[in-house]
């Protein structure tokens, strides 16, 4: 078992893709746990708006997962992972820009998070396939 673990830790493809999945999942969990407080406390909006935002993000994640399943027929999983990671980076930069701006409109934050979460739907299955390919 130790030899297998050492072999996995030396496999750059496995490690890089597992790291991308792990960090993206950590960002997703952070987002899920923080969003109700941001929507309800910081912006004074209703729990129903949080629920709507959460449902839209779930729809985006599911949709991009299905889009990724179709795109993998024409593009390599690595290409899809890179494209999805670029979209996640853009969404993350958007969230950072909004946070630095102070108290901008809530819709900006929600759109940036939608981009990040939706891209996760395409990145995660393809990165898992690449990590396990070796």
N, C-alpha and C. Protein backbone atom coordinates (compact mmCIF):
# COMPACT_ATOMS: atom_id res chain seq x y z
N UNK A 1 0.82 -1.19 0.00
CA UNK A 1 0.00 0.00 0.00
C UNK A 1 0.87 1.26 0.00
N UNK A 2 1.95 1.26 0.76
CA UNK A 2 2.84 2.41 0.77
C UNK A 2 3.48 2.62 -0.60
N UNK A 3 3.85 1.52 -1.23
CA UNK A 3 4.47 1.63 -2.55
C UNK A 3 3.48 2.23 -3.55
N UNK A 4 2.24 1.81 -3.46
CA UNK A 4 1.20 2.37 -4.34
C UNK A 4 1.01 3.85 -4.07
N UNK A 5 1.00 4.23 -2.81
CA UNK A 5 0.84 5.65 -2.45
C UNK A 5 2.01 6.47 -2.96
N UNK A 6 3.21 5.95 -2.82
CA UNK A 6 4.39 6.67 -3.33
C UNK A 6 4.32 6.81 -4.85
N UNK A 7 3.88 5.75 -5.51
CA UNK A 7 3.76 5.80 -6.96
C UNK A 7 2.74 6.85 -7.40
N UNK A 8 1.63 6.92 -6.70
CA UNK A 8 0.61 7.93 -7.02
C UNK A 8 1.13 9.34 -6.78
N UNK A 9 1.87 9.53 -5.71
CA UNK A 9 2.40 10.86 -5.39
C UNK A 9 3.46 11.31 -6.40
N UNK A 10 4.07 10.36 -7.09
CA UNK A 10 5.06 10.71 -8.12
C UNK A 10 4.43 10.88 -9.50
N UNK A 11 3.19 10.47 -9.64
CA UNK A 11 2.49 10.58 -10.92
C UNK A 11 1.94 11.99 -11.06
N UNK A 12 2.61 12.80 -11.87
CA UNK A 12 2.23 14.22 -12.01
C UNK A 12 0.82 14.39 -12.55
N UNK A 13 0.43 13.55 -13.49
CA UNK A 13 -0.92 13.67 -14.06
C UNK A 13 -1.98 13.38 -13.01
N UNK A 14 -1.77 12.34 -12.25
CA UNK A 14 -2.73 12.00 -11.19
C UNK A 14 -2.76 13.09 -10.13
N UNK A 15 -1.60 13.49 -9.68
CA UNK A 15 -1.51 14.47 -8.60
C UNK A 15 -2.07 15.83 -9.02
N UNK A 16 -1.74 16.28 -10.23
CA UNK A 16 -2.23 17.58 -10.70
C UNK A 16 -3.74 17.60 -10.83
N UNK A 17 -4.29 16.55 -11.40
CA UNK A 17 -5.75 16.49 -11.56
C UNK A 17 -6.45 16.31 -10.22
N UNK A 18 -5.89 15.50 -9.34
CA UNK A 18 -6.48 15.34 -8.01
C UNK A 18 -6.43 16.66 -7.24
N UNK A 19 -5.35 17.39 -7.40
CA UNK A 19 -5.22 18.70 -6.74
C UNK A 19 -6.26 19.68 -7.28
N UNK A 20 -6.45 19.69 -8.59
CA UNK A 20 -7.47 20.57 -9.20
C UNK A 20 -8.86 20.23 -8.66
N UNK A 21 -9.16 18.94 -8.58
CA UNK A 21 -10.46 18.52 -8.06
C UNK A 21 -10.60 18.91 -6.60
N UNK A 22 -9.58 18.63 -5.81
CA UNK A 22 -9.64 18.92 -4.38
C UNK A 22 -9.79 20.40 -4.08
N UNK A 23 -9.00 21.23 -4.75
CA UNK A 23 -9.09 22.67 -4.51
C UNK A 23 -10.42 23.24 -5.00
N UNK A 24 -10.90 22.74 -6.12
CA UNK A 24 -12.20 23.19 -6.62
C UNK A 24 -13.33 22.78 -5.68
N UNK A 25 -13.25 21.57 -5.16
CA UNK A 25 -14.26 21.13 -4.19
C UNK A 25 -14.19 21.95 -2.91
N UNK A 26 -12.99 22.30 -2.47
CA UNK A 26 -12.84 23.14 -1.27
C UNK A 26 -13.48 24.51 -1.51
N UNK A 27 -13.26 25.08 -2.70
CA UNK A 27 -13.88 26.37 -3.03
C UNK A 27 -15.39 26.24 -3.09
N UNK A 28 -15.88 25.13 -3.62
CA UNK A 28 -17.33 24.91 -3.70
C UNK A 28 -17.95 24.81 -2.30
N UNK A 29 -17.31 24.07 -1.42
CA UNK A 29 -17.83 23.92 -0.05
C UNK A 29 -17.79 25.25 0.68
N UNK A 30 -16.73 26.01 0.47
CA UNK A 30 -16.64 27.34 1.09
C UNK A 30 -17.76 28.23 0.58
N UNK A 31 -17.99 28.19 -0.71
CA UNK A 31 -19.07 28.98 -1.31
C UNK A 31 -20.43 28.57 -0.74
N UNK A 32 -20.68 27.27 -0.69
CA UNK A 32 -21.97 26.79 -0.19
C UNK A 32 -22.19 27.21 1.26
N UNK A 33 -21.14 27.14 2.06
CA UNK A 33 -21.31 27.49 3.47
C UNK A 33 -21.38 29.00 3.70
N UNK A 34 -20.79 29.80 2.82
CA UNK A 34 -20.78 31.25 3.03
C UNK A 34 -21.94 31.98 2.36
N UNK A 35 -22.47 31.43 1.28
CA UNK A 35 -23.48 32.16 0.51
C UNK A 35 -24.72 32.56 1.31
N UNK A 36 -25.25 31.71 2.18
CA UNK A 36 -26.44 32.17 2.92
C UNK A 36 -26.16 33.41 3.76
N UNK A 37 -24.98 33.48 4.35
CA UNK A 37 -24.63 34.63 5.18
C UNK A 37 -24.43 35.87 4.32
N UNK A 38 -23.84 35.69 3.15
CA UNK A 38 -23.62 36.82 2.26
C UNK A 38 -24.96 37.38 1.77
N UNK A 39 -25.82 36.49 1.29
CA UNK A 39 -27.11 36.92 0.73
C UNK A 39 -28.01 37.50 1.82
N UNK A 40 -28.13 36.78 2.93
CA UNK A 40 -29.10 37.18 3.96
C UNK A 40 -28.57 38.25 4.90
N UNK A 41 -27.32 38.13 5.35
CA UNK A 41 -26.80 39.07 6.34
C UNK A 41 -26.17 40.30 5.69
N UNK A 42 -25.22 40.08 4.77
CA UNK A 42 -24.51 41.21 4.18
C UNK A 42 -25.40 42.03 3.25
N UNK A 43 -26.28 41.36 2.52
CA UNK A 43 -27.14 42.07 1.56
C UNK A 43 -28.57 42.21 2.04
N UNK A 44 -28.93 41.60 3.16
CA UNK A 44 -30.27 41.73 3.71
C UNK A 44 -31.37 41.16 2.84
N UNK A 45 -31.05 40.13 2.07
CA UNK A 45 -32.04 39.53 1.18
C UNK A 45 -32.66 38.29 1.83
N UNK A 46 -33.70 37.78 1.23
CA UNK A 46 -34.48 36.69 1.82
C UNK A 46 -33.80 35.33 1.63
N UNK A 47 -34.15 34.39 2.49
CA UNK A 47 -33.67 33.01 2.30
C UNK A 47 -34.13 32.43 0.96
N UNK A 48 -35.27 32.90 0.47
CA UNK A 48 -35.75 32.42 -0.82
C UNK A 48 -34.81 32.82 -1.95
N UNK A 49 -34.22 34.02 -1.87
CA UNK A 49 -33.27 34.44 -2.89
C UNK A 49 -32.03 33.55 -2.84
N UNK A 50 -31.58 33.24 -1.63
CA UNK A 50 -30.46 32.30 -1.51
C UNK A 50 -30.82 30.97 -2.15
N UNK A 51 -32.00 30.47 -1.89
CA UNK A 51 -32.43 29.18 -2.46
C UNK A 51 -32.45 29.25 -3.98
N UNK A 52 -32.93 30.36 -4.52
CA UNK A 52 -32.97 30.53 -5.96
C UNK A 52 -31.55 30.55 -6.54
N UNK A 53 -30.67 31.30 -5.91
CA UNK A 53 -29.27 31.36 -6.38
C UNK A 53 -28.63 29.98 -6.32
N UNK A 54 -28.89 29.25 -5.25
CA UNK A 54 -28.34 27.91 -5.10
C UNK A 54 -28.88 26.98 -6.18
N UNK A 55 -30.17 27.07 -6.48
CA UNK A 55 -30.78 26.23 -7.51
C UNK A 55 -30.21 26.56 -8.89
N UNK A 56 -29.99 27.84 -9.16
CA UNK A 56 -29.42 28.23 -10.46
C UNK A 56 -28.01 27.69 -10.60
N UNK A 57 -27.23 27.74 -9.52
CA UNK A 57 -25.88 27.19 -9.56
C UNK A 57 -25.90 25.68 -9.77
N UNK A 58 -26.83 25.00 -9.12
CA UNK A 58 -26.94 23.55 -9.31
C UNK A 58 -27.31 23.23 -10.75
N UNK A 59 -28.18 24.03 -11.33
CA UNK A 59 -28.56 23.84 -12.72
C UNK A 59 -27.35 24.09 -13.65
N UNK A 60 -26.57 25.11 -13.35
CA UNK A 60 -25.37 25.40 -14.14
C UNK A 60 -24.36 24.28 -14.05
N UNK A 61 -24.14 23.74 -12.85
CA UNK A 61 -23.21 22.64 -12.66
C UNK A 61 -23.66 21.41 -13.43
N UNK A 62 -24.94 21.09 -13.35
CA UNK A 62 -25.49 19.92 -14.04
C UNK A 62 -25.44 20.10 -15.55
N UNK A 63 -25.79 21.29 -16.00
CA UNK A 63 -25.77 21.56 -17.44
C UNK A 63 -24.36 21.43 -18.01
N UNK A 64 -23.39 22.02 -17.33
CA UNK A 64 -22.02 21.94 -17.84
C UNK A 64 -21.46 20.52 -17.75
N UNK A 65 -21.94 19.74 -16.83
CA UNK A 65 -21.54 18.35 -16.77
C UNK A 65 -22.03 17.61 -18.02
N UNK A 66 -23.26 17.89 -18.42
CA UNK A 66 -23.82 17.28 -19.62
C UNK A 66 -23.14 17.81 -20.89
N UNK A 67 -22.85 19.10 -20.92
CA UNK A 67 -22.14 19.69 -22.06
C UNK A 67 -20.75 19.06 -22.18
N UNK A 68 -20.07 18.90 -21.05
CA UNK A 68 -18.75 18.28 -21.05
C UNK A 68 -18.79 16.85 -21.56
N UNK A 69 -19.84 16.12 -21.22
CA UNK A 69 -19.98 14.74 -21.70
C UNK A 69 -20.11 14.70 -23.22
N UNK A 70 -20.75 15.69 -23.79
CA UNK A 70 -20.89 15.74 -25.25
C UNK A 70 -19.61 16.25 -25.92
N UNK A 71 -18.97 17.23 -25.28
CA UNK A 71 -17.75 17.81 -25.86
C UNK A 71 -16.58 16.83 -25.86
N UNK A 72 -16.57 15.90 -24.92
CA UNK A 72 -15.44 14.97 -24.82
C UNK A 72 -15.39 14.03 -26.03
N UNK A 73 -16.46 13.99 -26.80
CA UNK A 73 -16.46 13.18 -28.03
C UNK A 73 -15.61 13.84 -29.12
N UNK A 74 -15.45 15.18 -29.03
CA UNK A 74 -14.71 15.92 -30.06
C UNK A 74 -13.41 16.53 -29.55
N UNK A 75 -13.29 16.66 -28.24
CA UNK A 75 -12.10 17.29 -27.65
C UNK A 75 -11.53 16.38 -26.57
N UNK A 76 -10.27 16.48 -26.33
CA UNK A 76 -9.64 15.64 -25.32
C UNK A 76 -10.08 16.08 -23.92
N UNK A 77 -10.09 15.15 -22.97
CA UNK A 77 -10.41 15.54 -21.59
C UNK A 77 -9.48 16.63 -21.06
N UNK A 78 -8.21 16.57 -21.47
CA UNK A 78 -7.26 17.59 -21.01
C UNK A 78 -7.66 18.98 -21.50
N UNK A 79 -8.11 19.07 -22.75
CA UNK A 79 -8.56 20.36 -23.29
C UNK A 79 -9.76 20.88 -22.50
N UNK A 80 -10.69 19.99 -22.19
CA UNK A 80 -11.87 20.40 -21.42
C UNK A 80 -11.50 20.82 -20.01
N UNK A 81 -10.56 20.10 -19.39
CA UNK A 81 -10.12 20.46 -18.05
C UNK A 81 -9.47 21.84 -18.07
N UNK A 82 -8.61 22.09 -19.05
CA UNK A 82 -7.95 23.40 -19.14
C UNK A 82 -8.95 24.52 -19.36
N UNK A 83 -9.92 24.28 -20.24
CA UNK A 83 -10.94 25.30 -20.49
C UNK A 83 -11.78 25.57 -19.23
N UNK A 84 -12.14 24.50 -18.55
CA UNK A 84 -12.95 24.66 -17.33
C UNK A 84 -12.15 25.34 -16.22
N UNK A 85 -10.88 25.00 -16.09
CA UNK A 85 -10.04 25.67 -15.08
C UNK A 85 -9.87 27.15 -15.41
N UNK A 86 -9.78 27.48 -16.69
CA UNK A 86 -9.70 28.90 -17.08
C UNK A 86 -10.99 29.63 -16.70
N UNK A 87 -12.13 28.98 -16.92
CA UNK A 87 -13.41 29.58 -16.53
C UNK A 87 -13.50 29.72 -15.02
N UNK A 88 -13.05 28.71 -14.29
CA UNK A 88 -13.06 28.80 -12.83
C UNK A 88 -12.15 29.94 -12.36
N UNK A 89 -11.00 30.08 -13.00
CA UNK A 89 -10.09 31.17 -12.65
C UNK A 89 -10.76 32.52 -12.89
N UNK A 90 -11.42 32.65 -14.03
CA UNK A 90 -12.13 33.90 -14.34
C UNK A 90 -13.22 34.18 -13.31
N UNK A 91 -13.98 33.15 -12.94
CA UNK A 91 -15.00 33.33 -11.92
C UNK A 91 -14.40 33.72 -10.57
N UNK A 92 -13.28 33.10 -10.23
CA UNK A 92 -12.60 33.44 -8.98
C UNK A 92 -12.07 34.86 -8.97
N UNK A 93 -11.51 35.29 -10.10
CA UNK A 93 -11.03 36.67 -10.22
C UNK A 93 -12.21 37.64 -10.11
N UNK A 94 -13.34 37.26 -10.69
CA UNK A 94 -14.54 38.08 -10.58
C UNK A 94 -14.99 38.25 -9.14
N UNK A 95 -14.98 37.16 -8.39
CA UNK A 95 -15.34 37.22 -6.97
C UNK A 95 -14.35 38.10 -6.21
N UNK A 96 -13.07 37.94 -6.50
CA UNK A 96 -12.05 38.75 -5.84
C UNK A 96 -12.24 40.24 -6.15
N UNK A 97 -12.49 40.55 -7.41
CA UNK A 97 -12.70 41.95 -7.80
C UNK A 97 -13.92 42.53 -7.09
N UNK A 98 -14.95 41.73 -6.96
CA UNK A 98 -16.18 42.19 -6.29
C UNK A 98 -15.91 42.40 -4.80
N UNK A 99 -15.14 41.50 -4.20
CA UNK A 99 -14.81 41.62 -2.78
C UNK A 99 -13.98 42.87 -2.51
N UNK A 100 -13.05 43.15 -3.41
CA UNK A 100 -12.19 44.34 -3.25
C UNK A 100 -12.99 45.62 -3.45
N UNK A 101 -14.03 45.54 -4.29
CA UNK A 101 -14.83 46.73 -4.60
C UNK A 101 -15.67 47.19 -3.42
N UNK A 102 -15.80 46.38 -2.40
CA UNK A 102 -16.58 46.78 -1.23
C UNK A 102 -17.91 46.10 -1.18
N UNK A 103 -18.95 46.81 -1.53
CA UNK A 103 -20.32 46.30 -1.42
C UNK A 103 -21.05 46.52 -2.75
N UNK A 104 -20.61 45.82 -3.81
CA UNK A 104 -21.23 46.01 -5.12
C UNK A 104 -22.58 45.30 -5.20
N UNK A 105 -23.27 45.43 -6.31
CA UNK A 105 -24.54 44.73 -6.46
C UNK A 105 -24.37 43.21 -6.32
N UNK A 106 -25.31 42.59 -5.66
CA UNK A 106 -25.26 41.16 -5.40
C UNK A 106 -25.21 40.35 -6.68
N UNK A 107 -25.86 40.82 -7.73
CA UNK A 107 -25.91 40.06 -8.98
C UNK A 107 -24.50 39.81 -9.54
N UNK A 108 -23.59 40.74 -9.37
CA UNK A 108 -22.22 40.54 -9.84
C UNK A 108 -21.55 39.36 -9.16
N UNK A 109 -21.72 39.28 -7.86
CA UNK A 109 -21.16 38.16 -7.10
C UNK A 109 -21.80 36.84 -7.53
N UNK A 110 -23.10 36.84 -7.71
CA UNK A 110 -23.80 35.62 -8.07
C UNK A 110 -23.41 35.14 -9.47
N UNK A 111 -23.21 36.07 -10.40
CA UNK A 111 -22.80 35.68 -11.75
C UNK A 111 -21.38 35.11 -11.73
N UNK A 112 -20.48 35.75 -11.01
CA UNK A 112 -19.10 35.24 -10.92
C UNK A 112 -19.08 33.84 -10.30
N UNK A 113 -19.88 33.61 -9.29
CA UNK A 113 -19.94 32.28 -8.66
C UNK A 113 -20.59 31.27 -9.60
N UNK A 114 -21.57 31.70 -10.38
CA UNK A 114 -22.19 30.79 -11.34
C UNK A 114 -21.17 30.31 -12.37
N UNK A 115 -20.32 31.20 -12.83
CA UNK A 115 -19.28 30.82 -13.78
C UNK A 115 -18.36 29.78 -13.16
N UNK A 116 -17.93 30.02 -11.93
CA UNK A 116 -17.03 29.09 -11.25
C UNK A 116 -17.69 27.72 -11.05
N UNK A 117 -18.88 27.73 -10.48
CA UNK A 117 -19.56 26.47 -10.15
C UNK A 117 -19.93 25.69 -11.41
N UNK A 118 -20.39 26.38 -12.44
CA UNK A 118 -20.76 25.70 -13.68
C UNK A 118 -19.54 25.02 -14.31
N UNK A 119 -18.42 25.71 -14.33
CA UNK A 119 -17.19 25.13 -14.90
C UNK A 119 -16.75 23.88 -14.14
N UNK A 120 -17.04 23.85 -12.87
CA UNK A 120 -16.71 22.67 -12.06
C UNK A 120 -17.42 21.43 -12.60
N UNK A 121 -18.62 21.61 -13.13
CA UNK A 121 -19.36 20.48 -13.69
C UNK A 121 -18.66 19.83 -14.87
N UNK A 122 -17.89 20.61 -15.61
CA UNK A 122 -17.15 20.05 -16.74
C UNK A 122 -15.75 19.60 -16.32
N UNK A 123 -15.16 20.29 -15.36
CA UNK A 123 -13.79 19.98 -14.97
C UNK A 123 -13.71 18.68 -14.18
N UNK A 124 -14.56 18.52 -13.19
CA UNK A 124 -14.40 17.42 -12.24
C UNK A 124 -14.43 16.03 -12.90
N UNK A 125 -15.40 15.69 -13.74
CA UNK A 125 -15.39 14.34 -14.33
C UNK A 125 -14.20 14.10 -15.26
N UNK A 126 -13.82 15.12 -16.02
CA UNK A 126 -12.70 14.96 -16.93
C UNK A 126 -11.37 14.88 -16.19
N UNK A 127 -11.22 15.66 -15.15
CA UNK A 127 -9.99 15.60 -14.35
C UNK A 127 -9.89 14.25 -13.63
N UNK A 128 -11.01 13.73 -13.17
CA UNK A 128 -11.00 12.42 -12.52
C UNK A 128 -10.60 11.34 -13.52
N UNK A 129 -11.10 11.42 -14.75
CA UNK A 129 -10.74 10.45 -15.78
C UNK A 129 -9.24 10.53 -16.08
N UNK A 130 -8.71 11.75 -16.17
CA UNK A 130 -7.28 11.91 -16.43
C UNK A 130 -6.43 11.41 -15.26
N UNK A 131 -6.89 11.69 -14.05
CA UNK A 131 -6.13 11.25 -12.88
C UNK A 131 -6.05 9.74 -12.81
N UNK A 132 -7.10 9.07 -13.22
CA UNK A 132 -7.16 7.61 -13.14
C UNK A 132 -6.61 6.92 -14.39
N UNK A 133 -6.33 7.69 -15.44
CA UNK A 133 -5.91 7.10 -16.73
C UNK A 133 -4.62 6.29 -16.60
N UNK A 134 -3.69 6.75 -15.77
CA UNK A 134 -2.41 6.06 -15.65
C UNK A 134 -2.52 4.81 -14.83
